[in-house]
Structures are given as C-alpha cells and as structure tokens.
Amino acid sequence: MTEDIGTMFEADISSIHASRISGEDEAERIMKLMAHMFLRVWTRFAVETGQKLTMTPYQYSLGMYHGQMNWAVNEALNFKELPQIELGAAYGKKHALMAEMYTAKDEPRVRLVFSLEDEAVKGKPLFVNYLLYDSTVKAFKFEGAVESVKAAMPKWFETVITKTDAPLWGYCKESLECVGV
C-alpha cells in the first residue's frame, strides 16, 4: 500500500486543473492551488488510513467536499491574506506539511516545508523545517510543488499508518535540506 500512495496522490492531483484556478494576483492563485493539493492529501490519508490529519485553516473553511476527491475551494475565503496552510498530525511529536508565503530580499516567495517537532527547549517544543520546494511567486510551477510532495508521500504515509515519526524524520534528514528551526 505504501508504494501505491505516490500513484494515488498523482491521480488525485491530476483532477486539479491549475490553468482554471485564478486569483486577484499570483500569490492568491498559488494559495488556492496549495489548498486544493492539501485538501486532496487530507482526504486520501483519511480514506486509506481512517485517520484525519489536522488542517489549519480547518479543511471545511478552505473548501467544500463534493465526494470522490472533488473539492471546491471556498471563494469567500481571502486567500490573498492567507500566509500559511498546514497539514499534519502528532504521534508523540508533531509533524506538518506547510505551504507558506514569505518575502526574501523584497521578493514574494512560496515554499513547502515539513516542520518536525524535535526536543523541547526550556519546556517548549522546537520545530525543525525541511525544505521540499521554494520559488519566487513569479517563477512558481505547480508541477514542481506536486513532484516535491509526491516524493515524500510514501514515508509520510508510513508515518501515519505506523503512528511513529521515524519514517518521515528519516526521509527528511536523508533527502531534504534543513532550513531552520
């Protein structure tokens, strides 16, 4: 089953017609695309594992489910002002896939990271971020973002099935760049 999750993810994402997603500007369009992707991942994990990951903003704030992996994003939500979407769980320690908008050198950017809870410092959890995808808003390619998540899907799925963080932690440490805490 773990081997098939990448294929299932690809099929789920193929129903997103990126060229039909619009927004007032490219940043808003990108966050709508990320919402579509995250909603499908949330649904796939729920269907295949029986576990519902936690999404912020709440999945039903982001969109409406019409069945058979068909989501419509909530057009009333101000995606232009949405800085981050997070999807994750906690099995002893928290892990999350995050899509976030940020600015570097006065240029708007988008990135996908896995944020993994590490040891506590002064009683507060410390999160380590591993980079999946990073691009300027102008150069953003949905296909590139999808491919970066697809590569991580088997290990993330294994983490959810086994309820242990080891598979995802191992993948991140071996395959991704650590971009901060």
N, C-alpha and C. Protein backbone atom coordinates (compact mmCIF):
# COMPACT_ATOMS: atom_id res chain seq x y z
N MET A 1 0.82 -1.20 0.00
CA MET A 1 0.00 0.00 0.00
C MET A 1 0.86 1.26 0.00
N THR A 2 1.94 1.27 0.80
CA THR A 2 2.79 2.45 0.89
C THR A 2 3.37 2.82 -0.47
N GLU A 3 3.71 1.78 -1.28
CA GLU A 3 4.30 2.04 -2.60
C GLU A 3 3.28 2.68 -3.54
N ASP A 4 2.02 2.38 -3.36
CA ASP A 4 0.96 2.88 -4.24
C ASP A 4 0.53 4.31 -3.94
N ILE A 5 0.91 4.84 -2.80
CA ILE A 5 0.41 6.15 -2.37
C ILE A 5 0.86 7.25 -3.33
N GLY A 6 2.05 7.15 -3.88
CA GLY A 6 2.51 8.15 -4.85
C GLY A 6 1.65 8.17 -6.09
N THR A 7 1.27 7.00 -6.57
CA THR A 7 0.40 6.89 -7.74
C THR A 7 -0.99 7.44 -7.43
N MET A 8 -1.51 7.12 -6.25
CA MET A 8 -2.82 7.63 -5.84
C MET A 8 -2.78 9.15 -5.73
N PHE A 9 -1.70 9.67 -5.13
CA PHE A 9 -1.52 11.12 -4.99
C PHE A 9 -1.52 11.78 -6.36
N GLU A 10 -0.78 11.20 -7.28
CA GLU A 10 -0.70 11.75 -8.64
C GLU A 10 -2.08 11.78 -9.30
N ALA A 11 -2.85 10.70 -9.14
CA ALA A 11 -4.20 10.65 -9.70
C ALA A 11 -5.11 11.69 -9.05
N ASP A 12 -4.98 11.85 -7.73
CA ASP A 12 -5.80 12.84 -7.01
C ASP A 12 -5.49 14.25 -7.50
N ILE A 13 -4.22 14.54 -7.67
CA ILE A 13 -3.79 15.88 -8.07
C ILE A 13 -4.12 16.16 -9.53
N SER A 14 -4.18 15.12 -10.35
CA SER A 14 -4.46 15.32 -11.78
C SER A 14 -5.85 15.91 -12.00
N SER A 15 -6.72 15.79 -10.99
CA SER A 15 -8.06 16.38 -11.14
C SER A 15 -8.06 17.89 -10.88
N ILE A 16 -6.93 18.43 -10.45
CA ILE A 16 -6.82 19.88 -10.26
C ILE A 16 -6.40 20.48 -11.59
N HIS A 17 -7.22 21.31 -12.13
CA HIS A 17 -6.90 21.98 -13.40
C HIS A 17 -6.29 23.34 -13.07
N ALA A 18 -4.96 23.33 -12.91
CA ALA A 18 -4.24 24.52 -12.46
C ALA A 18 -4.52 25.74 -13.33
N SER A 19 -4.69 25.53 -14.62
CA SER A 19 -4.93 26.66 -15.52
C SER A 19 -6.29 27.32 -15.27
N ARG A 20 -7.20 26.61 -14.61
CA ARG A 20 -8.53 27.17 -14.32
C ARG A 20 -8.61 27.88 -12.97
N ILE A 21 -7.56 27.75 -12.17
CA ILE A 21 -7.54 28.38 -10.84
C ILE A 21 -7.07 29.82 -11.02
N SER A 22 -7.86 30.75 -10.52
CA SER A 22 -7.49 32.16 -10.68
C SER A 22 -7.54 32.88 -9.34
N GLY A 23 -6.99 34.06 -9.35
CA GLY A 23 -6.98 34.90 -8.17
C GLY A 23 -6.72 36.33 -8.58
N GLU A 24 -6.84 37.24 -7.63
CA GLU A 24 -6.56 38.65 -7.93
C GLU A 24 -5.11 38.84 -8.34
N ASP A 25 -4.23 38.03 -7.77
CA ASP A 25 -2.83 38.08 -8.14
C ASP A 25 -2.27 36.66 -8.05
N GLU A 26 -1.01 36.50 -8.43
CA GLU A 26 -0.40 35.17 -8.48
C GLU A 26 -0.27 34.55 -7.09
N ALA A 27 -0.02 35.34 -6.07
CA ALA A 27 0.10 34.81 -4.71
C ALA A 27 -1.23 34.19 -4.26
N GLU A 28 -2.34 34.85 -4.55
CA GLU A 28 -3.65 34.31 -4.20
C GLU A 28 -3.91 33.02 -4.97
N ARG A 29 -3.57 32.99 -6.23
CA ARG A 29 -3.76 31.79 -7.06
C ARG A 29 -2.94 30.63 -6.50
N ILE A 30 -1.71 30.90 -6.10
CA ILE A 30 -0.84 29.86 -5.56
C ILE A 30 -1.43 29.27 -4.28
N MET A 31 -1.94 30.11 -3.40
CA MET A 31 -2.51 29.58 -2.16
C MET A 31 -3.78 28.78 -2.43
N LYS A 32 -4.54 29.14 -3.45
CA LYS A 32 -5.70 28.32 -3.83
C LYS A 32 -5.24 26.95 -4.34
N LEU A 33 -4.18 26.94 -5.13
CA LEU A 33 -3.63 25.68 -5.61
C LEU A 33 -3.14 24.81 -4.45
N MET A 34 -2.47 25.44 -3.49
CA MET A 34 -1.99 24.70 -2.32
C MET A 34 -3.18 24.15 -1.52
N ALA A 35 -4.24 24.93 -1.40
CA ALA A 35 -5.44 24.46 -0.70
C ALA A 35 -6.01 23.23 -1.41
N HIS A 36 -6.10 23.28 -2.72
CA HIS A 36 -6.58 22.12 -3.48
C HIS A 36 -5.71 20.89 -3.20
N MET A 37 -4.40 21.06 -3.26
CA MET A 37 -3.49 19.93 -3.04
C MET A 37 -3.64 19.39 -1.61
N PHE A 38 -3.62 20.27 -0.62
CA PHE A 38 -3.69 19.84 0.77
C PHE A 38 -5.02 19.16 1.06
N LEU A 39 -6.11 19.66 0.51
CA LEU A 39 -7.42 19.03 0.73
C LEU A 39 -7.45 17.61 0.16
N ARG A 40 -6.83 17.41 -0.96
CA ARG A 40 -6.79 16.08 -1.55
C ARG A 40 -5.91 15.14 -0.73
N VAL A 41 -4.78 15.64 -0.25
CA VAL A 41 -3.92 14.82 0.61
C VAL A 41 -4.68 14.46 1.89
N TRP A 42 -5.35 15.42 2.50
CA TRP A 42 -6.13 15.18 3.72
C TRP A 42 -7.16 14.07 3.46
N THR A 43 -7.86 14.16 2.35
CA THR A 43 -8.88 13.17 2.01
C THR A 43 -8.26 11.80 1.74
N ARG A 44 -7.17 11.75 0.99
CA ARG A 44 -6.52 10.48 0.67
C ARG A 44 -6.06 9.78 1.95
N PHE A 45 -5.44 10.51 2.86
CA PHE A 45 -4.98 9.89 4.11
C PHE A 45 -6.18 9.40 4.92
N ALA A 46 -7.26 10.16 4.96
CA ALA A 46 -8.46 9.75 5.71
C ALA A 46 -9.05 8.48 5.10
N VAL A 47 -9.12 8.42 3.78
CA VAL A 47 -9.69 7.25 3.10
C VAL A 47 -8.82 6.01 3.30
N GLU A 48 -7.53 6.16 3.14
CA GLU A 48 -6.63 5.00 3.16
C GLU A 48 -6.25 4.54 4.56
N THR A 49 -6.23 5.45 5.55
CA THR A 49 -5.77 5.08 6.89
C THR A 49 -6.87 5.15 7.94
N GLY A 50 -7.97 5.84 7.63
CA GLY A 50 -9.01 6.03 8.62
C GLY A 50 -8.67 7.14 9.61
N GLN A 51 -7.52 7.79 9.42
CA GLN A 51 -7.09 8.86 10.31
C GLN A 51 -7.26 10.20 9.61
N LYS A 52 -7.74 11.16 10.36
CA LYS A 52 -7.91 12.50 9.82
C LYS A 52 -6.80 13.38 10.36
N LEU A 53 -5.97 13.87 9.46
CA LEU A 53 -4.91 14.78 9.86
C LEU A 53 -5.54 16.12 10.24
N THR A 54 -4.80 16.92 10.94
CA THR A 54 -5.26 18.24 11.35
C THR A 54 -4.86 19.26 10.30
N MET A 55 -5.80 20.09 9.90
CA MET A 55 -5.50 21.12 8.90
C MET A 55 -5.80 22.49 9.48
N THR A 56 -4.89 23.42 9.20
CA THR A 56 -5.06 24.81 9.59
C THR A 56 -4.81 25.68 8.37
N PRO A 57 -5.76 26.50 7.96
CA PRO A 57 -7.13 26.61 8.45
C PRO A 57 -7.87 25.29 8.29
N TYR A 58 -8.93 25.16 9.04
CA TYR A 58 -9.76 23.97 9.05
C TYR A 58 -10.18 23.62 7.62
N GLN A 59 -10.13 22.33 7.28
CA GLN A 59 -10.40 21.90 5.91
C GLN A 59 -11.73 22.39 5.36
N TYR A 60 -12.75 22.44 6.20
CA TYR A 60 -14.06 22.88 5.69
C TYR A 60 -14.19 24.41 5.66
N SER A 61 -13.18 25.11 6.15
CA SER A 61 -13.08 26.55 5.91
C SER A 61 -12.44 26.80 4.55
N LEU A 62 -11.51 25.90 4.19
CA LEU A 62 -10.82 26.04 2.90
C LEU A 62 -11.68 25.64 1.72
N GLY A 63 -12.54 24.65 1.91
CA GLY A 63 -13.32 24.19 0.78
C GLY A 63 -14.50 23.33 1.16
N MET A 64 -15.26 22.94 0.13
CA MET A 64 -16.43 22.08 0.31
C MET A 64 -16.17 20.78 -0.45
N TYR A 65 -16.42 19.67 0.23
CA TYR A 65 -16.20 18.36 -0.38
C TYR A 65 -17.45 17.91 -1.10
N HIS A 66 -17.29 17.48 -2.35
CA HIS A 66 -18.41 17.02 -3.16
C HIS A 66 -18.34 15.52 -3.44
N GLY A 67 -17.41 14.83 -2.77
CA GLY A 67 -17.27 13.39 -2.96
C GLY A 67 -16.28 13.04 -4.05
N GLN A 68 -15.75 11.83 -3.98
CA GLN A 68 -14.83 11.29 -4.98
C GLN A 68 -13.65 12.22 -5.27
N MET A 69 -13.03 12.70 -4.21
CA MET A 69 -11.84 13.55 -4.27
C MET A 69 -12.11 14.89 -4.95
N ASN A 70 -13.36 15.29 -5.01
CA ASN A 70 -13.76 16.53 -5.66
C ASN A 70 -14.00 17.61 -4.60
N TRP A 71 -13.13 18.59 -4.55
CA TRP A 71 -13.22 19.72 -3.63
C TRP A 71 -13.42 21.00 -4.43
N ALA A 72 -14.18 21.92 -3.87
CA ALA A 72 -14.29 23.27 -4.41
C ALA A 72 -13.78 24.21 -3.31
N VAL A 73 -12.79 25.03 -3.65
CA VAL A 73 -12.27 25.93 -2.62
C VAL A 73 -13.32 26.98 -2.29
N ASN A 74 -13.25 27.46 -1.08
CA ASN A 74 -14.17 28.47 -0.57
C ASN A 74 -13.78 29.83 -1.13
N GLU A 75 -14.49 30.29 -2.12
CA GLU A 75 -14.16 31.57 -2.77
C GLU A 75 -14.39 32.76 -1.84
N ALA A 76 -15.12 32.56 -0.74
CA ALA A 76 -15.34 33.65 0.21
C ALA A 76 -14.13 33.86 1.12
N LEU A 77 -13.25 32.86 1.19
CA LEU A 77 -12.04 32.97 2.00
C LEU A 77 -11.04 33.87 1.29
N ASN A 78 -10.41 34.75 2.02
CA ASN A 78 -9.45 35.67 1.45
C ASN A 78 -8.08 34.98 1.34
N PHE A 79 -7.86 34.25 0.26
CA PHE A 79 -6.61 33.54 0.05
C PHE A 79 -5.43 34.49 -0.11
N LYS A 80 -5.71 35.71 -0.51
CA LYS A 80 -4.66 36.71 -0.69
C LYS A 80 -3.99 37.04 0.65
N GLU A 81 -4.76 36.97 1.73
CA GLU A 81 -4.24 37.27 3.06
C GLU A 81 -3.86 36.03 3.85
N LEU A 82 -3.95 34.86 3.24
CA LEU A 82 -3.64 33.60 3.91
C LEU A 82 -2.14 33.32 3.78
N PRO A 83 -1.38 33.47 4.87
CA PRO A 83 0.07 33.30 4.76
C PRO A 83 0.53 31.85 4.78
N GLN A 84 -0.32 30.94 5.31
CA GLN A 84 0.16 29.57 5.51
C GLN A 84 -1.00 28.58 5.57
N ILE A 85 -0.76 27.39 5.05
CA ILE A 85 -1.67 26.25 5.20
C ILE A 85 -0.83 25.14 5.80
N GLU A 86 -1.39 24.46 6.79
CA GLU A 86 -0.64 23.41 7.49
C GLU A 86 -1.48 22.14 7.57
N LEU A 87 -0.83 21.01 7.34
CA LEU A 87 -1.49 19.71 7.41
C LEU A 87 -0.57 18.75 8.14
N GLY A 88 -1.04 18.18 9.24
CA GLY A 88 -0.17 17.29 9.98
C GLY A 88 -0.88 16.47 11.03
N ALA A 89 -0.08 15.89 11.91
CA ALA A 89 -0.58 15.05 12.98
C ALA A 89 0.47 15.02 14.10
N ALA A 90 0.14 14.34 15.17
CA ALA A 90 1.08 14.17 16.28
C ALA A 90 1.04 12.72 16.74
N TYR A 91 2.18 12.09 16.72
CA TYR A 91 2.33 10.73 17.25
C TYR A 91 3.47 10.79 18.25
N GLY A 92 3.19 11.36 19.39
CA GLY A 92 4.24 11.65 20.35
C GLY A 92 4.78 13.04 20.06
N LYS A 93 5.24 13.23 18.84
CA LYS A 93 5.73 14.53 18.39
C LYS A 93 4.93 14.95 17.17
N LYS A 94 4.84 16.26 16.98
CA LYS A 94 4.05 16.80 15.89
C LYS A 94 4.87 16.86 14.60
N HIS A 95 4.20 16.63 13.48
CA HIS A 95 4.80 16.87 12.17
C HIS A 95 3.74 17.55 11.29
N ALA A 96 4.19 18.38 10.36
CA ALA A 96 3.25 19.06 9.48
C ALA A 96 3.91 19.41 8.16
N LEU A 97 3.11 19.30 7.10
CA LEU A 97 3.49 19.85 5.80
C LEU A 97 2.91 21.25 5.78
N MET A 98 3.74 22.22 5.45
CA MET A 98 3.28 23.61 5.42
C MET A 98 3.58 24.24 4.06
N ALA A 99 2.59 24.97 3.57
CA ALA A 99 2.77 25.83 2.40
C ALA A 99 2.71 27.24 2.95
N GLU A 100 3.73 28.03 2.65
CA GLU A 100 3.72 29.38 3.19
C GLU A 100 4.26 30.39 2.21
N MET A 101 3.69 31.58 2.32
CA MET A 101 4.16 32.72 1.56
C MET A 101 5.08 33.52 2.48
N TYR A 102 6.16 34.01 1.92
CA TYR A 102 7.07 34.85 2.69
C TYR A 102 7.80 35.78 1.74
N THR A 103 8.52 36.72 2.29
CA THR A 103 9.26 37.68 1.48
C THR A 103 10.75 37.58 1.82
N ALA A 104 11.58 37.50 0.80
CA ALA A 104 13.03 37.50 0.96
C ALA A 104 13.61 38.47 -0.05
N LYS A 105 14.43 39.38 0.43
CA LYS A 105 15.04 40.40 -0.43
C LYS A 105 13.98 41.15 -1.23
N ASP A 106 12.92 41.54 -0.55
CA ASP A 106 11.81 42.30 -1.13
C ASP A 106 11.09 41.58 -2.27
N GLU A 107 11.22 40.25 -2.32
CA GLU A 107 10.54 39.49 -3.36
C GLU A 107 9.63 38.45 -2.71
N PRO A 108 8.34 38.42 -3.12
CA PRO A 108 7.43 37.40 -2.56
C PRO A 108 7.81 36.01 -3.03
N ARG A 109 7.76 35.07 -2.08
CA ARG A 109 8.15 33.68 -2.36
C ARG A 109 7.12 32.73 -1.77
N VAL A 110 7.15 31.50 -2.24
CA VAL A 110 6.32 30.43 -1.71
C VAL A 110 7.23 29.23 -1.46
N ARG A 111 6.95 28.52 -0.36
CA ARG A 111 7.72 27.30 -0.11
C ARG A 111 6.86 26.26 0.57
N LEU A 112 7.28 25.02 0.40
CA LEU A 112 6.69 23.88 1.08
C LEU A 112 7.77 23.30 1.98
N VAL A 113 7.43 23.10 3.24
CA VAL A 113 8.36 22.51 4.19
C VAL A 113 7.64 21.48 5.05
N PHE A 114 8.41 20.50 5.50
CA PHE A 114 7.95 19.65 6.58
C PHE A 114 8.51 20.26 7.84
N SER A 115 7.65 20.53 8.80
CA SER A 115 8.05 21.05 10.09
C SER A 115 7.89 19.91 11.09
N LEU A 116 9.01 19.48 11.67
CA LEU A 116 9.02 18.33 12.56
C LEU A 116 9.42 18.74 13.97
N GLU A 117 8.64 18.29 14.93
CA GLU A 117 8.94 18.62 16.32
C GLU A 117 10.15 17.82 16.78
N ASP A 118 11.09 18.53 17.38
CA ASP A 118 12.29 17.92 17.92
C ASP A 118 12.22 18.02 19.44
N GLU A 119 13.33 18.02 20.08
CA GLU A 119 13.37 18.10 21.54
C GLU A 119 12.86 19.45 22.03
N ALA A 120 12.39 19.46 23.24
CA ALA A 120 11.92 20.70 23.86
C ALA A 120 13.11 21.51 24.37
N VAL A 121 13.00 22.81 24.25
CA VAL A 121 13.99 23.73 24.78
C VAL A 121 13.27 24.63 25.78
N LYS A 122 13.73 24.60 27.01
CA LYS A 122 13.10 25.36 28.08
C LYS A 122 11.60 25.05 28.18
N GLY A 123 11.27 23.77 28.00
CA GLY A 123 9.89 23.33 28.15
C GLY A 123 8.99 23.58 26.96
N LYS A 124 9.52 24.18 25.90
CA LYS A 124 8.72 24.45 24.71
C LYS A 124 9.27 23.63 23.54
N PRO A 125 8.37 23.06 22.72
CA PRO A 125 8.85 22.25 21.59
C PRO A 125 9.62 23.08 20.57
N LEU A 126 10.61 22.47 20.00
CA LEU A 126 11.42 23.08 18.96
C LEU A 126 11.08 22.38 17.65
N PHE A 127 10.83 23.14 16.60
CA PHE A 127 10.47 22.57 15.30
C PHE A 127 11.61 22.77 14.31
N VAL A 128 11.93 21.72 13.58
CA VAL A 128 12.96 21.74 12.55
C VAL A 128 12.26 21.70 11.20
N ASN A 129 12.63 22.60 10.31
CA ASN A 129 11.98 22.70 9.00
C ASN A 129 12.88 22.13 7.91
N TYR A 130 12.28 21.27 7.09
CA TYR A 130 12.98 20.66 5.96
C TYR A 130 12.29 21.10 4.67
N LEU A 131 13.09 21.62 3.76
CA LEU A 131 12.58 22.23 2.53
C LEU A 131 12.24 21.20 1.47
N LEU A 132 11.01 21.27 0.98
CA LEU A 132 10.56 20.45 -0.15
C LEU A 132 10.61 21.26 -1.45
N TYR A 133 10.15 22.51 -1.39
CA TYR A 133 10.03 23.32 -2.60
C TYR A 133 10.12 24.79 -2.20
N ASP A 134 10.81 25.59 -3.00
CA ASP A 134 10.93 27.02 -2.74
C ASP A 134 11.05 27.73 -4.08
N SER A 135 10.27 28.80 -4.25
CA SER A 135 10.27 29.52 -5.52
C SER A 135 9.80 30.95 -5.31
N THR A 136 10.20 31.82 -6.20
CA THR A 136 9.59 33.13 -6.20
C THR A 136 8.15 32.93 -6.68
N VAL A 137 7.30 33.86 -6.35
CA VAL A 137 5.91 33.78 -6.79
C VAL A 137 5.86 33.81 -8.32
N LYS A 138 6.70 34.65 -8.93
CA LYS A 138 6.72 34.77 -10.40
C LYS A 138 7.12 33.46 -11.08
N ALA A 139 8.05 32.72 -10.49
CA ALA A 139 8.58 31.51 -11.13
C ALA A 139 7.89 30.23 -10.66
N PHE A 140 6.89 30.34 -9.81
CA PHE A 140 6.21 29.17 -9.25
C PHE A 140 5.67 28.25 -10.33
N LYS A 141 5.92 26.95 -10.15
CA LYS A 141 5.39 25.91 -11.04
C LYS A 141 4.67 24.89 -10.17
N PHE A 142 3.36 24.78 -10.35
CA PHE A 142 2.56 23.84 -9.57
C PHE A 142 3.10 22.41 -9.72
N GLU A 143 3.51 22.05 -10.91
CA GLU A 143 4.02 20.70 -11.16
C GLU A 143 5.26 20.43 -10.30
N GLY A 144 6.11 21.41 -10.11
CA GLY A 144 7.30 21.25 -9.27
C GLY A 144 6.93 21.05 -7.81
N ALA A 145 5.94 21.80 -7.35
CA ALA A 145 5.48 21.65 -5.97
C ALA A 145 4.88 20.26 -5.77
N VAL A 146 4.09 19.82 -6.73
CA VAL A 146 3.46 18.49 -6.65
C VAL A 146 4.52 17.40 -6.61
N GLU A 147 5.51 17.49 -7.48
CA GLU A 147 6.57 16.47 -7.52
C GLU A 147 7.34 16.40 -6.20
N SER A 148 7.57 17.54 -5.57
CA SER A 148 8.30 17.54 -4.30
C SER A 148 7.50 16.84 -3.21
N VAL A 149 6.19 17.01 -3.19
CA VAL A 149 5.35 16.34 -2.20
C VAL A 149 5.21 14.86 -2.54
N LYS A 150 5.07 14.56 -3.82
CA LYS A 150 4.91 13.16 -4.24
C LYS A 150 6.09 12.31 -3.79
N ALA A 151 7.29 12.85 -3.87
CA ALA A 151 8.48 12.10 -3.47
C ALA A 151 8.45 11.73 -1.98
N ALA A 152 7.83 12.57 -1.17
CA ALA A 152 7.78 12.34 0.28
C ALA A 152 6.59 11.48 0.70
N MET A 153 5.60 11.32 -0.18
CA MET A 153 4.36 10.65 0.20
C MET A 153 4.53 9.25 0.80
N PRO A 154 5.34 8.36 0.25
CA PRO A 154 5.45 7.02 0.84
C PRO A 154 5.90 7.04 2.30
N LYS A 155 6.88 7.85 2.62
CA LYS A 155 7.39 7.90 4.00
C LYS A 155 6.40 8.62 4.92
N TRP A 156 5.74 9.64 4.40
CA TRP A 156 4.74 10.33 5.21
C TRP A 156 3.57 9.39 5.49
N PHE A 157 3.15 8.65 4.48
CA PHE A 157 2.06 7.69 4.62
C PHE A 157 2.44 6.61 5.65
N GLU A 158 3.68 6.13 5.58
CA GLU A 158 4.16 5.13 6.53
C GLU A 158 4.13 5.69 7.95
N THR A 159 4.48 6.95 8.11
CA THR A 159 4.42 7.59 9.41
C THR A 159 2.99 7.60 9.95
N VAL A 160 2.04 7.92 9.09
CA VAL A 160 0.64 7.97 9.52
C VAL A 160 0.11 6.57 9.84
N ILE A 161 0.44 5.59 9.01
CA ILE A 161 -0.03 4.22 9.24
C ILE A 161 0.54 3.64 10.54
N THR A 162 1.85 3.83 10.75
CA THR A 162 2.50 3.23 11.92
C THR A 162 2.39 4.10 13.17
N LYS A 163 1.94 5.34 12.99
CA LYS A 163 1.84 6.30 14.09
C LYS A 163 3.18 6.48 14.81
N THR A 164 4.23 6.48 14.01
CA THR A 164 5.57 6.75 14.51
C THR A 164 6.24 7.74 13.57
N ASP A 165 6.99 8.64 14.12
CA ASP A 165 7.61 9.70 13.31
C ASP A 165 8.86 9.27 12.55
N ALA A 166 9.39 8.09 12.86
CA ALA A 166 10.67 7.66 12.30
C ALA A 166 10.73 7.68 10.77
N PRO A 167 9.73 7.15 10.04
CA PRO A 167 9.87 7.16 8.57
C PRO A 167 9.99 8.57 7.98
N LEU A 168 9.16 9.49 8.44
CA LEU A 168 9.21 10.85 7.91
C LEU A 168 10.48 11.56 8.33
N TRP A 169 10.88 11.41 9.60
CA TRP A 169 12.13 12.01 10.07
C TRP A 169 13.30 11.49 9.24
N GLY A 170 13.36 10.18 9.02
CA GLY A 170 14.45 9.60 8.24
C GLY A 170 14.50 10.17 6.83
N TYR A 171 13.34 10.24 6.18
CA TYR A 171 13.28 10.79 4.83
C TYR A 171 13.78 12.24 4.82
N CYS A 172 13.29 13.03 5.74
CA CYS A 172 13.67 14.45 5.76
C CYS A 172 15.17 14.62 5.98
N LYS A 173 15.73 13.90 6.95
CA LYS A 173 17.15 14.03 7.25
C LYS A 173 18.03 13.57 6.10
N GLU A 174 17.59 12.50 5.40
CA GLU A 174 18.41 11.94 4.32
C GLU A 174 18.22 12.65 2.98
N SER A 175 17.03 13.19 2.73
CA SER A 175 16.70 13.65 1.38
C SER A 175 16.48 15.15 1.23
N LEU A 176 16.22 15.85 2.35
CA LEU A 176 15.85 17.25 2.25
C LEU A 176 16.85 18.15 2.97
N GLU A 177 16.83 19.40 2.58
CA GLU A 177 17.70 20.40 3.21
C GLU A 177 17.02 20.97 4.45
N CYS A 178 17.75 20.98 5.55
CA CYS A 178 17.24 21.61 6.78
C CYS A 178 17.38 23.12 6.59
N VAL A 179 16.26 23.84 6.76
CA VAL A 179 16.27 25.28 6.52
C VAL A 179 15.99 26.09 7.78
N GLY A 180 16.08 25.47 8.92
CA GLY A 180 15.94 26.25 10.14
C GLY A 180 15.11 25.59 11.20
N VAL A 181 15.15 26.26 12.34
CA VAL A 181 14.37 25.80 13.50
C VAL A 181 13.48 26.92 13.97
